[in-house]
Amino acid sequence: MEYNKTELKKYNYLIGQKIKAIRDLKGFKQDYVSEKLGISSGHYSNIENGHKTCTLYILIKLCQILDTTPNEILSDCVSLNHDEKETFIVEMQRSLKADEKEFLVAFQMILNKYLEDKR
């Protein structure tokens, strides 16, 4: 699959801005979040500024740290129909390492349990 670089830059920017807005709302400093993520503050700053792509692993960890959901972070750039969403998810999962896939499955189980308990 070939990516449209202009579109990727736009998505990186939108995602970064949403992450920054949520972080600011929570009153967290960039250094705090980058430390919790285990990445340099420069790398984290590049994600917020749209200069780096946020990996799925970092997205999941950010959701935990910022007490938010991937839907909230991606809401400004992902408006796909059902088939496109499934394709997007499958493509994202292909790039994951084994430990990241295990983490994602565990996260999904926790999220499902939370949603069941909320009903």
Foldseek 3Di string as FASTA:
>chain_A
DDDDVVLLLVQLQQLLCLLVVLCVVVVHDLCVLCVQLVHDSVVNVCSNRSNDPQAPLSLLSSCVVSVHDPCSSNVVPDDDDPVVVVVVVVVSVVPDDPVSVVVVVVSVVVVVVVVVVVD
